[in-house]
Amino acid sequence: MKLGRRGIAAGITAALLGATAAVLGAVRALSGDLEISLHGYLAMAAAVIGTALLAGGLMWLAFYSARAGWDDVDREV
């Protein structure tokens, strides 16, 4: 079965959302008596998703730079 780029992107997105939910669930289970408001959970989710997006964007830039030839030694600027 051939997934294609969109299928792979959807799978990665689903995995990231699942990982975010798992981390939030672990934080909630480990917090014990500590109460975290809804805003705290939303802030943690935003931080995890933002970090993942930043990492993905930087990896995309690295691959784009390599494919476009910006990393070639003999390239004149």
Protein backbone atom coordinates (compact mmCIF):
# COMPACT_ATOMS: atom_id res chain seq x y z
CA MET A 1 0.00 0.00 0.00
CA LYS A 2 1.41 3.34 -1.03
CA LEU A 3 0.81 6.17 1.45
CA GLY A 4 2.23 9.17 -0.36
CA ARG A 5 3.39 12.41 1.21
CA ARG A 6 0.02 13.39 2.64
CA GLY A 7 -0.48 10.01 4.25
CA ILE A 8 2.94 10.15 5.84
CA ALA A 9 2.35 13.72 7.05
CA ALA A 10 -1.03 12.71 8.50
CA GLY A 11 0.58 9.75 10.27
CA ILE A 12 3.32 11.92 11.74
CA THR A 13 0.76 14.50 12.86
CA ALA A 14 -1.35 11.82 14.52
CA ALA A 15 1.74 10.42 16.24
CA LEU A 16 2.70 13.87 17.53
CA LEU A 17 -0.80 14.50 18.84
CA GLY A 18 -0.80 11.10 20.51
CA ALA A 19 2.59 11.78 22.09
CA THR A 20 1.33 15.14 23.33
CA ALA A 21 -1.70 13.49 24.91
CA ALA A 22 0.51 10.83 26.50
CA VAL A 23 2.86 13.46 27.96
CA LEU A 24 -0.06 15.46 29.32
CA GLY A 25 -1.55 12.31 30.83
CA ALA A 26 1.77 11.41 32.45
CA VAL A 27 2.14 14.91 33.86
CA ARG A 28 -1.36 14.72 35.28
CA ALA A 29 -0.74 11.29 36.82
CA LEU A 30 2.60 12.32 38.32
CA SER A 31 1.37 15.64 39.67
CA GLY A 32 -0.37 13.95 42.61
CA ASP A 33 -1.92 16.60 44.85
CA LEU A 34 -0.62 19.44 42.73
CA GLU A 35 -3.49 21.06 40.89
CA ILE A 36 -2.87 22.38 37.40
CA SER A 37 -5.57 24.49 35.82
CA LEU A 38 -6.87 24.06 32.32
CA HIS A 39 -4.69 26.99 31.26
CA GLY A 40 -1.63 25.17 32.56
CA TYR A 41 -2.43 22.09 30.48
CA LEU A 42 -3.10 24.24 27.43
CA ALA A 43 0.23 26.02 27.94
CA MET A 44 2.06 22.68 28.18
CA ALA A 45 0.33 21.41 25.04
CA ALA A 46 1.21 24.60 23.18
CA ALA A 47 4.84 24.29 24.29
CA VAL A 48 5.11 20.68 23.13
CA ILE A 49 3.42 21.37 19.80
CA GLY A 50 5.43 24.57 19.28
CA THR A 51 8.69 22.76 19.98
CA ALA A 52 7.77 19.98 17.56
CA LEU A 53 6.85 22.50 14.86
CA LEU A 54 10.08 24.41 15.40
CA ALA A 55 12.14 21.22 15.17
CA GLY A 56 10.29 20.18 12.02
CA GLY A 57 10.77 23.60 10.45
CA LEU A 58 14.48 23.61 11.17
CA MET A 59 14.86 20.11 9.73
CA TRP A 60 12.97 21.23 6.62
CA LEU A 61 15.33 24.19 6.26
CA ALA A 62 18.36 21.90 6.58
CA PHE A 63 17.07 19.57 3.85
CA TYR A 64 16.02 22.48 1.61
CA SER A 65 19.42 24.10 2.01
CA ALA A 66 21.21 20.87 1.15
CA ARG A 67 19.04 20.19 -1.91
CA ALA A 68 19.26 23.75 -3.21
CA GLY A 69 23.05 23.71 -3.07
CA TRP A 70 23.49 26.36 -0.40
CA ASP A 71 25.85 24.04 1.48
CA ASP A 72 28.20 23.51 -1.47
CA VAL A 73 31.78 24.58 -0.80
CA ASP A 74 32.43 26.02 -4.29
CA ARG A 75 29.25 28.14 -4.36
CA GLU A 76 29.83 31.88 -4.67
CA VAL A 77 27.56 34.14 -2.67
